[in-house]
Amino acid sequence: MLNYINYRMKVTLADGRTLVGTFMAFDKHMNLVLGDCEEFRTLKNKLKGAAASVKEERVQKRMLGLVLLRGENVVSLTVESPPPAHEVEGLGNMGPGFGRAAGRGLPAAPIGIPMGLAAPMRGVGGPAGMLQPGQA
């Protein structure tokens, strides 16, 4: 399944609908994520005044966008087309530069003991006589 990531896939569902979209992700339950997805439904209408066996079929198309499909509804997967050509080829040459993490506008906090967990300051807490210097 990993070989088909970014391929244009056609997915048939249990209720007869067909979805065509870019295969983006899947999991162990065969839940699928399709991008730029289109739904195709075949509608059957009986013609008035004609024999009961004569039916008009028409395909209804609907644009859905990003779709998450539950795996229990998936009946089949087929390849519509391979992934598009790599887009980096048309960008041109890269200039000199370097990557740097984006800051949040605040300086990095010093690493130290959290406020509530530090020991009391000298002279605060404990018996008063123990902390006076010079007594032995």
N, C-alpha and C. Protein backbone atom coordinates (compact mmCIF):
# COMPACT_ATOMS: atom_id res chain seq x y z
N MET A 1 0.82 -1.20 0.00
CA MET A 1 0.00 0.00 0.00
C MET A 1 0.87 1.27 0.00
N LEU A 2 2.02 1.22 0.65
CA LEU A 2 2.89 2.39 0.69
C LEU A 2 3.38 2.79 -0.70
N ASN A 3 3.44 1.83 -1.61
CA ASN A 3 3.90 2.12 -2.97
C ASN A 3 2.92 3.02 -3.71
N TYR A 4 1.67 3.09 -3.28
CA TYR A 4 0.64 3.84 -3.99
C TYR A 4 0.36 5.21 -3.39
N ILE A 5 1.12 5.63 -2.39
CA ILE A 5 0.94 6.97 -1.81
C ILE A 5 1.18 8.01 -2.91
N ASN A 6 0.34 9.02 -2.97
CA ASN A 6 0.34 10.12 -3.95
C ASN A 6 -0.16 9.70 -5.33
N TYR A 7 -0.56 8.45 -5.51
CA TYR A 7 -1.18 8.03 -6.77
C TYR A 7 -2.62 8.53 -6.79
N ARG A 8 -3.15 8.69 -7.98
CA ARG A 8 -4.58 9.00 -8.15
C ARG A 8 -5.30 7.66 -8.13
N MET A 9 -6.18 7.43 -7.12
CA MET A 9 -6.81 6.13 -6.92
C MET A 9 -8.33 6.24 -7.10
N LYS A 10 -8.92 5.13 -7.55
CA LYS A 10 -10.37 5.01 -7.68
C LYS A 10 -10.83 4.02 -6.62
N VAL A 11 -11.71 4.45 -5.72
CA VAL A 11 -12.19 3.64 -4.61
C VAL A 11 -13.67 3.37 -4.81
N THR A 12 -14.05 2.08 -4.79
CA THR A 12 -15.46 1.70 -4.88
C THR A 12 -15.96 1.41 -3.48
N LEU A 13 -17.10 1.98 -3.13
CA LEU A 13 -17.67 1.81 -1.80
C LEU A 13 -18.78 0.77 -1.81
N ALA A 14 -19.16 0.31 -0.63
CA ALA A 14 -20.17 -0.74 -0.49
C ALA A 14 -21.54 -0.29 -1.01
N ASP A 15 -21.84 0.99 -0.95
CA ASP A 15 -23.15 1.47 -1.41
C ASP A 15 -23.18 1.81 -2.90
N GLY A 16 -22.11 1.52 -3.62
CA GLY A 16 -22.10 1.70 -5.07
C GLY A 16 -21.45 2.99 -5.54
N ARG A 17 -21.15 3.90 -4.64
CA ARG A 17 -20.49 5.13 -5.05
C ARG A 17 -19.04 4.86 -5.42
N THR A 18 -18.48 5.75 -6.21
CA THR A 18 -17.08 5.66 -6.60
C THR A 18 -16.41 6.99 -6.27
N LEU A 19 -15.26 6.91 -5.60
CA LEU A 19 -14.50 8.11 -5.26
C LEU A 19 -13.16 8.06 -5.98
N VAL A 20 -12.76 9.18 -6.56
CA VAL A 20 -11.47 9.28 -7.22
C VAL A 20 -10.72 10.43 -6.56
N GLY A 21 -9.51 10.12 -6.04
CA GLY A 21 -8.74 11.16 -5.37
C GLY A 21 -7.30 10.75 -5.19
N THR A 22 -6.49 11.66 -4.69
CA THR A 22 -5.08 11.41 -4.42
C THR A 22 -4.96 10.64 -3.12
N PHE A 23 -4.37 9.46 -3.18
CA PHE A 23 -4.23 8.57 -2.03
C PHE A 23 -3.14 9.13 -1.13
N MET A 24 -3.52 9.57 0.08
CA MET A 24 -2.58 10.25 0.96
C MET A 24 -2.16 9.41 2.16
N ALA A 25 -3.06 8.58 2.71
CA ALA A 25 -2.72 7.83 3.91
C ALA A 25 -3.69 6.66 4.09
N PHE A 26 -3.25 5.69 4.92
CA PHE A 26 -4.08 4.55 5.27
C PHE A 26 -3.62 4.04 6.63
N ASP A 27 -4.41 3.15 7.24
CA ASP A 27 -4.00 2.54 8.50
C ASP A 27 -4.35 1.06 8.50
N LYS A 28 -4.20 0.42 9.67
CA LYS A 28 -4.39 -1.03 9.75
C LYS A 28 -5.84 -1.45 9.51
N HIS A 29 -6.80 -0.53 9.66
CA HIS A 29 -8.21 -0.84 9.42
C HIS A 29 -8.62 -0.55 7.98
N MET A 30 -7.68 -0.14 7.13
CA MET A 30 -7.91 0.28 5.75
C MET A 30 -8.74 1.56 5.68
N ASN A 31 -8.70 2.37 6.74
CA ASN A 31 -9.25 3.72 6.63
C ASN A 31 -8.35 4.47 5.66
N LEU A 32 -8.93 5.25 4.77
CA LEU A 32 -8.17 5.92 3.72
C LEU A 32 -8.35 7.42 3.81
N VAL A 33 -7.32 8.15 3.43
CA VAL A 33 -7.41 9.60 3.27
C VAL A 33 -7.17 9.91 1.81
N LEU A 34 -8.13 10.57 1.18
CA LEU A 34 -8.03 10.96 -0.23
C LEU A 34 -8.10 12.48 -0.32
N GLY A 35 -7.17 13.06 -1.08
CA GLY A 35 -7.17 14.50 -1.30
C GLY A 35 -7.71 14.83 -2.67
N ASP A 36 -8.25 16.02 -2.84
CA ASP A 36 -8.86 16.47 -4.11
C ASP A 36 -9.81 15.42 -4.65
N CYS A 37 -10.70 14.98 -3.80
CA CYS A 37 -11.55 13.83 -4.11
C CYS A 37 -12.83 14.25 -4.84
N GLU A 38 -13.24 13.39 -5.77
CA GLU A 38 -14.50 13.57 -6.50
C GLU A 38 -15.35 12.33 -6.30
N GLU A 39 -16.65 12.53 -6.13
CA GLU A 39 -17.59 11.42 -5.94
C GLU A 39 -18.41 11.25 -7.22
N PHE A 40 -18.57 10.00 -7.65
CA PHE A 40 -19.39 9.68 -8.82
C PHE A 40 -20.48 8.72 -8.38
N ARG A 41 -21.75 9.07 -8.66
CA ARG A 41 -22.89 8.20 -8.35
C ARG A 41 -23.64 7.93 -9.63
N THR A 42 -24.06 6.68 -9.80
CA THR A 42 -24.87 6.32 -10.95
C THR A 42 -26.33 6.31 -10.52
N LEU A 43 -27.13 7.15 -11.15
CA LEU A 43 -28.55 7.24 -10.83
C LEU A 43 -29.34 6.56 -11.94
N LYS A 44 -30.29 5.71 -11.56
CA LYS A 44 -31.12 5.00 -12.54
C LYS A 44 -32.54 5.53 -12.44
N ASN A 45 -33.06 6.03 -13.54
CA ASN A 45 -34.43 6.56 -13.59
C ASN A 45 -35.25 5.73 -14.57
N LYS A 46 -36.46 5.40 -14.18
CA LYS A 46 -37.37 4.71 -15.11
C LYS A 46 -37.97 5.74 -16.05
N LEU A 47 -38.04 5.38 -17.32
CA LEU A 47 -38.64 6.28 -18.30
C LEU A 47 -40.16 6.11 -18.28
N LYS A 48 -40.88 7.21 -18.31
CA LYS A 48 -42.34 7.16 -18.28
C LYS A 48 -42.86 6.72 -19.65
N GLY A 49 -43.85 5.88 -19.64
CA GLY A 49 -44.47 5.43 -20.87
C GLY A 49 -43.71 4.33 -21.58
N ALA A 50 -42.57 3.95 -21.09
CA ALA A 50 -41.78 2.90 -21.73
C ALA A 50 -41.94 1.61 -20.93
N ALA A 51 -41.35 0.57 -21.43
CA ALA A 51 -41.41 -0.72 -20.73
C ALA A 51 -40.70 -0.59 -19.38
N ALA A 52 -41.10 -1.44 -18.46
CA ALA A 52 -40.54 -1.37 -17.10
C ALA A 52 -39.05 -1.69 -17.08
N SER A 53 -38.57 -2.42 -18.06
CA SER A 53 -37.16 -2.81 -18.05
C SER A 53 -36.24 -1.71 -18.62
N VAL A 54 -36.81 -0.69 -19.24
CA VAL A 54 -35.99 0.38 -19.83
C VAL A 54 -35.72 1.43 -18.75
N LYS A 55 -34.44 1.66 -18.49
CA LYS A 55 -34.05 2.63 -17.47
C LYS A 55 -32.99 3.56 -18.05
N GLU A 56 -33.05 4.79 -17.61
CA GLU A 56 -32.05 5.77 -18.02
C GLU A 56 -31.01 5.86 -16.90
N GLU A 57 -29.74 5.73 -17.26
CA GLU A 57 -28.66 5.85 -16.27
C GLU A 57 -27.95 7.17 -16.50
N ARG A 58 -27.66 7.82 -15.39
CA ARG A 58 -26.94 9.08 -15.50
C ARG A 58 -25.96 9.15 -14.33
N VAL A 59 -24.79 9.71 -14.59
CA VAL A 59 -23.73 9.80 -13.58
C VAL A 59 -23.73 11.20 -13.00
N GLN A 60 -23.81 11.25 -11.67
CA GLN A 60 -23.78 12.53 -10.98
C GLN A 60 -22.40 12.70 -10.35
N LYS A 61 -21.76 13.83 -10.61
CA LYS A 61 -20.41 14.09 -10.11
C LYS A 61 -20.46 15.19 -9.05
N ARG A 62 -19.65 15.02 -8.00
CA ARG A 62 -19.63 16.00 -6.91
C ARG A 62 -18.19 16.14 -6.41
N MET A 63 -17.72 17.36 -6.21
CA MET A 63 -16.38 17.61 -5.69
C MET A 63 -16.43 17.61 -4.17
N LEU A 64 -15.57 16.78 -3.53
CA LEU A 64 -15.59 16.66 -2.07
C LEU A 64 -14.38 17.28 -1.39
N GLY A 65 -13.21 17.26 -2.01
CA GLY A 65 -12.00 17.79 -1.38
C GLY A 65 -11.28 16.71 -0.60
N LEU A 66 -10.92 17.00 0.67
CA LEU A 66 -10.20 16.04 1.52
C LEU A 66 -11.21 15.12 2.20
N VAL A 67 -11.01 13.80 2.03
CA VAL A 67 -11.99 12.82 2.52
C VAL A 67 -11.29 11.77 3.37
N LEU A 68 -11.91 11.42 4.49
CA LEU A 68 -11.47 10.29 5.31
C LEU A 68 -12.52 9.20 5.17
N LEU A 69 -12.11 8.05 4.62
CA LEU A 69 -13.04 6.94 4.38
C LEU A 69 -12.85 5.86 5.43
N ARG A 70 -13.93 5.39 6.00
CA ARG A 70 -13.86 4.28 6.95
C ARG A 70 -13.60 2.99 6.17
N GLY A 71 -12.69 2.17 6.67
CA GLY A 71 -12.24 0.98 5.96
C GLY A 71 -13.31 -0.05 5.70
N GLU A 72 -14.32 -0.14 6.56
CA GLU A 72 -15.36 -1.17 6.35
C GLU A 72 -16.25 -0.86 5.16
N ASN A 73 -16.22 0.37 4.65
CA ASN A 73 -17.02 0.75 3.48
C ASN A 73 -16.29 0.54 2.16
N VAL A 74 -14.97 0.31 2.21
CA VAL A 74 -14.17 0.19 0.99
C VAL A 74 -14.32 -1.22 0.42
N VAL A 75 -14.68 -1.30 -0.86
CA VAL A 75 -14.81 -2.58 -1.55
C VAL A 75 -13.58 -2.85 -2.41
N SER A 76 -13.14 -1.86 -3.18
CA SER A 76 -11.97 -2.07 -4.04
C SER A 76 -11.21 -0.77 -4.25
N LEU A 77 -9.92 -0.93 -4.57
CA LEU A 77 -9.03 0.18 -4.89
C LEU A 77 -8.38 -0.11 -6.23
N THR A 78 -8.40 0.84 -7.14
CA THR A 78 -7.69 0.69 -8.40
C THR A 78 -6.93 1.97 -8.69
N VAL A 79 -5.85 1.83 -9.45
CA VAL A 79 -5.01 2.98 -9.79
C VAL A 79 -5.61 3.70 -10.99
N GLU A 80 -5.81 5.00 -10.85
CA GLU A 80 -6.28 5.84 -11.96
C GLU A 80 -5.08 6.38 -12.73
N SER A 81 -4.09 6.91 -12.01
CA SER A 81 -2.90 7.45 -12.67
C SER A 81 -1.75 7.53 -11.66
N PRO A 82 -0.51 7.53 -12.13
CA PRO A 82 0.64 7.64 -11.23
C PRO A 82 0.72 9.05 -10.64
N PRO A 83 1.58 9.23 -9.64
CA PRO A 83 1.70 10.56 -9.06
C PRO A 83 2.24 11.56 -10.08
N PRO A 84 1.95 12.85 -9.89
CA PRO A 84 2.45 13.85 -10.83
C PRO A 84 3.97 13.94 -10.78
N ALA A 85 4.56 14.51 -11.83
CA ALA A 85 6.02 14.68 -11.87
C ALA A 85 6.45 15.56 -10.71
N HIS A 86 7.69 15.38 -10.29
CA HIS A 86 8.20 16.10 -9.13
C HIS A 86 8.18 17.61 -9.40
N GLU A 87 7.67 18.40 -8.47
CA GLU A 87 7.47 19.83 -8.69
C GLU A 87 8.74 20.64 -8.49
N VAL A 88 9.78 20.09 -7.86
CA VAL A 88 11.00 20.83 -7.57
C VAL A 88 11.77 21.15 -8.84
N GLU A 89 11.62 20.36 -9.89
CA GLU A 89 12.39 20.54 -11.11
C GLU A 89 12.17 21.91 -11.73
N GLY A 90 11.01 22.48 -11.63
CA GLY A 90 10.72 23.75 -12.27
C GLY A 90 11.03 24.97 -11.42
N LEU A 91 11.56 24.81 -10.21
CA LEU A 91 11.77 25.95 -9.32
C LEU A 91 13.05 26.72 -9.60
N GLY A 92 14.06 26.14 -10.21
CA GLY A 92 15.33 26.82 -10.46
C GLY A 92 16.35 26.49 -9.40
N ASN A 93 17.50 27.18 -9.49
CA ASN A 93 18.60 26.92 -8.55
C ASN A 93 18.33 27.59 -7.22
N MET A 94 18.82 26.95 -6.17
CA MET A 94 18.67 27.51 -4.84
C MET A 94 19.84 28.45 -4.56
N GLY A 95 19.60 29.51 -3.82
CA GLY A 95 20.65 30.45 -3.47
C GLY A 95 21.33 30.07 -2.17
N PRO A 96 22.36 30.84 -1.80
CA PRO A 96 23.04 30.54 -0.54
C PRO A 96 22.11 30.87 0.63
N GLY A 97 22.24 30.15 1.67
CA GLY A 97 21.40 30.39 2.83
C GLY A 97 21.56 29.27 3.84
N PHE A 98 20.86 29.38 4.92
CA PHE A 98 20.92 28.35 5.94
C PHE A 98 19.57 28.27 6.62
N GLY A 99 19.30 27.11 7.18
CA GLY A 99 18.05 26.91 7.89
C GLY A 99 18.18 27.28 9.35
N ARG A 100 17.17 27.91 9.87
CA ARG A 100 17.19 28.29 11.27
C ARG A 100 15.78 28.11 11.82
N ALA A 101 15.68 27.65 13.05
CA ALA A 101 14.37 27.46 13.67
C ALA A 101 13.70 28.82 13.85
N ALA A 102 12.41 28.85 13.60
CA ALA A 102 11.66 30.09 13.77
C ALA A 102 11.39 30.32 15.25
N GLY A 103 11.68 31.52 15.72
CA GLY A 103 11.45 31.85 17.12
C GLY A 103 10.02 32.29 17.35
N ARG A 104 9.66 32.43 18.62
CA ARG A 104 8.32 32.87 18.98
C ARG A 104 8.30 34.32 19.43
N GLY A 105 9.44 35.01 19.33
CA GLY A 105 9.50 36.39 19.75
C GLY A 105 9.89 36.55 21.21
N LEU A 106 10.08 35.47 21.93
CA LEU A 106 10.48 35.51 23.33
C LEU A 106 11.84 34.86 23.47
N PRO A 107 12.69 35.38 24.36
CA PRO A 107 13.97 34.69 24.58
C PRO A 107 13.74 33.34 25.25
N ALA A 108 14.67 32.45 25.03
CA ALA A 108 14.56 31.12 25.64
C ALA A 108 14.66 31.25 27.15
N ALA A 109 13.82 30.56 27.87
CA ALA A 109 13.82 30.60 29.33
C ALA A 109 15.04 29.88 29.86
N PRO A 110 15.69 30.44 30.90
CA PRO A 110 16.85 29.74 31.47
C PRO A 110 16.41 28.42 32.10
N ILE A 111 17.26 27.44 31.95
CA ILE A 111 16.94 26.13 32.51
C ILE A 111 17.38 26.14 33.97
N GLY A 112 16.49 25.85 34.85
CA GLY A 112 16.79 25.85 36.27
C GLY A 112 15.72 25.10 37.03
N ILE A 113 15.73 25.27 38.30
CA ILE A 113 14.76 24.59 39.14
C ILE A 113 13.43 25.34 39.03
N PRO A 114 12.32 24.64 38.84
CA PRO A 114 11.02 25.31 38.79
C PRO A 114 10.74 26.08 40.08
N MET A 115 9.97 27.16 39.97
CA MET A 115 9.77 28.08 41.08
C MET A 115 9.27 27.41 42.36
N GLY A 116 8.33 26.56 42.29
CA GLY A 116 7.75 25.99 43.50
C GLY A 116 8.57 24.88 44.13
N LEU A 117 9.63 24.42 43.45
CA LEU A 117 10.39 23.28 43.95
C LEU A 117 11.75 23.66 44.52
N ALA A 118 12.11 24.93 44.54
CA ALA A 118 13.41 25.36 45.05
C ALA A 118 13.39 25.32 46.58
N ALA A 119 14.58 25.19 47.17
CA ALA A 119 14.71 25.19 48.63
C ALA A 119 14.51 26.62 49.15
N PRO A 120 14.16 26.78 50.42
CA PRO A 120 13.98 28.12 50.96
C PRO A 120 15.31 28.88 51.00
N MET A 121 15.25 30.21 50.97
CA MET A 121 16.45 31.03 51.02
C MET A 121 17.08 30.93 52.40
N ARG A 122 18.36 31.29 52.48
CA ARG A 122 19.07 31.23 53.76
C ARG A 122 18.41 32.21 54.73
N GLY A 123 18.13 31.71 55.90
CA GLY A 123 17.52 32.54 56.92
C GLY A 123 16.00 32.45 56.94
N VAL A 124 15.41 31.74 55.96
CA VAL A 124 13.96 31.61 55.91
C VAL A 124 13.63 30.17 56.23
N GLY A 125 12.77 29.94 57.18
CA GLY A 125 12.36 28.60 57.55
C GLY A 125 13.38 27.93 58.47
N GLY A 126 13.02 26.88 59.08
CA GLY A 126 13.91 26.15 59.99
C GLY A 126 14.06 26.88 61.32
N PRO A 127 14.71 26.25 62.29
CA PRO A 127 14.93 26.91 63.59
C PRO A 127 15.84 28.13 63.42
N ALA A 128 15.54 29.20 64.12
CA ALA A 128 16.26 30.46 63.94
C ALA A 128 17.71 30.35 64.40
N GLY A 129 17.99 29.57 65.41
CA GLY A 129 19.34 29.52 65.95
C GLY A 129 20.31 28.73 65.08
N MET A 130 19.86 27.86 64.23
CA MET A 130 20.77 27.00 63.49
C MET A 130 21.46 27.72 62.33
N LEU A 131 20.87 28.74 61.78
CA LEU A 131 21.40 29.34 60.58
C LEU A 131 22.26 30.57 60.85
N GLN A 132 22.46 30.98 62.08
CA GLN A 132 23.27 32.16 62.36
C GLN A 132 24.74 31.79 62.28
N PRO A 133 25.51 32.53 61.50
CA PRO A 133 26.94 32.20 61.37
C PRO A 133 27.71 32.55 62.64
N GLY A 134 28.78 31.86 62.87
CA GLY A 134 29.65 32.16 63.99
C GLY A 134 29.34 31.41 65.27
N GLN A 135 28.25 30.72 65.34
CA GLN A 135 27.93 29.98 66.56
C GLN A 135 28.33 28.53 66.36
N ALA A 136 29.02 27.98 67.36
CA ALA A 136 29.41 26.59 67.27
C ALA A 136 29.14 25.87 68.55
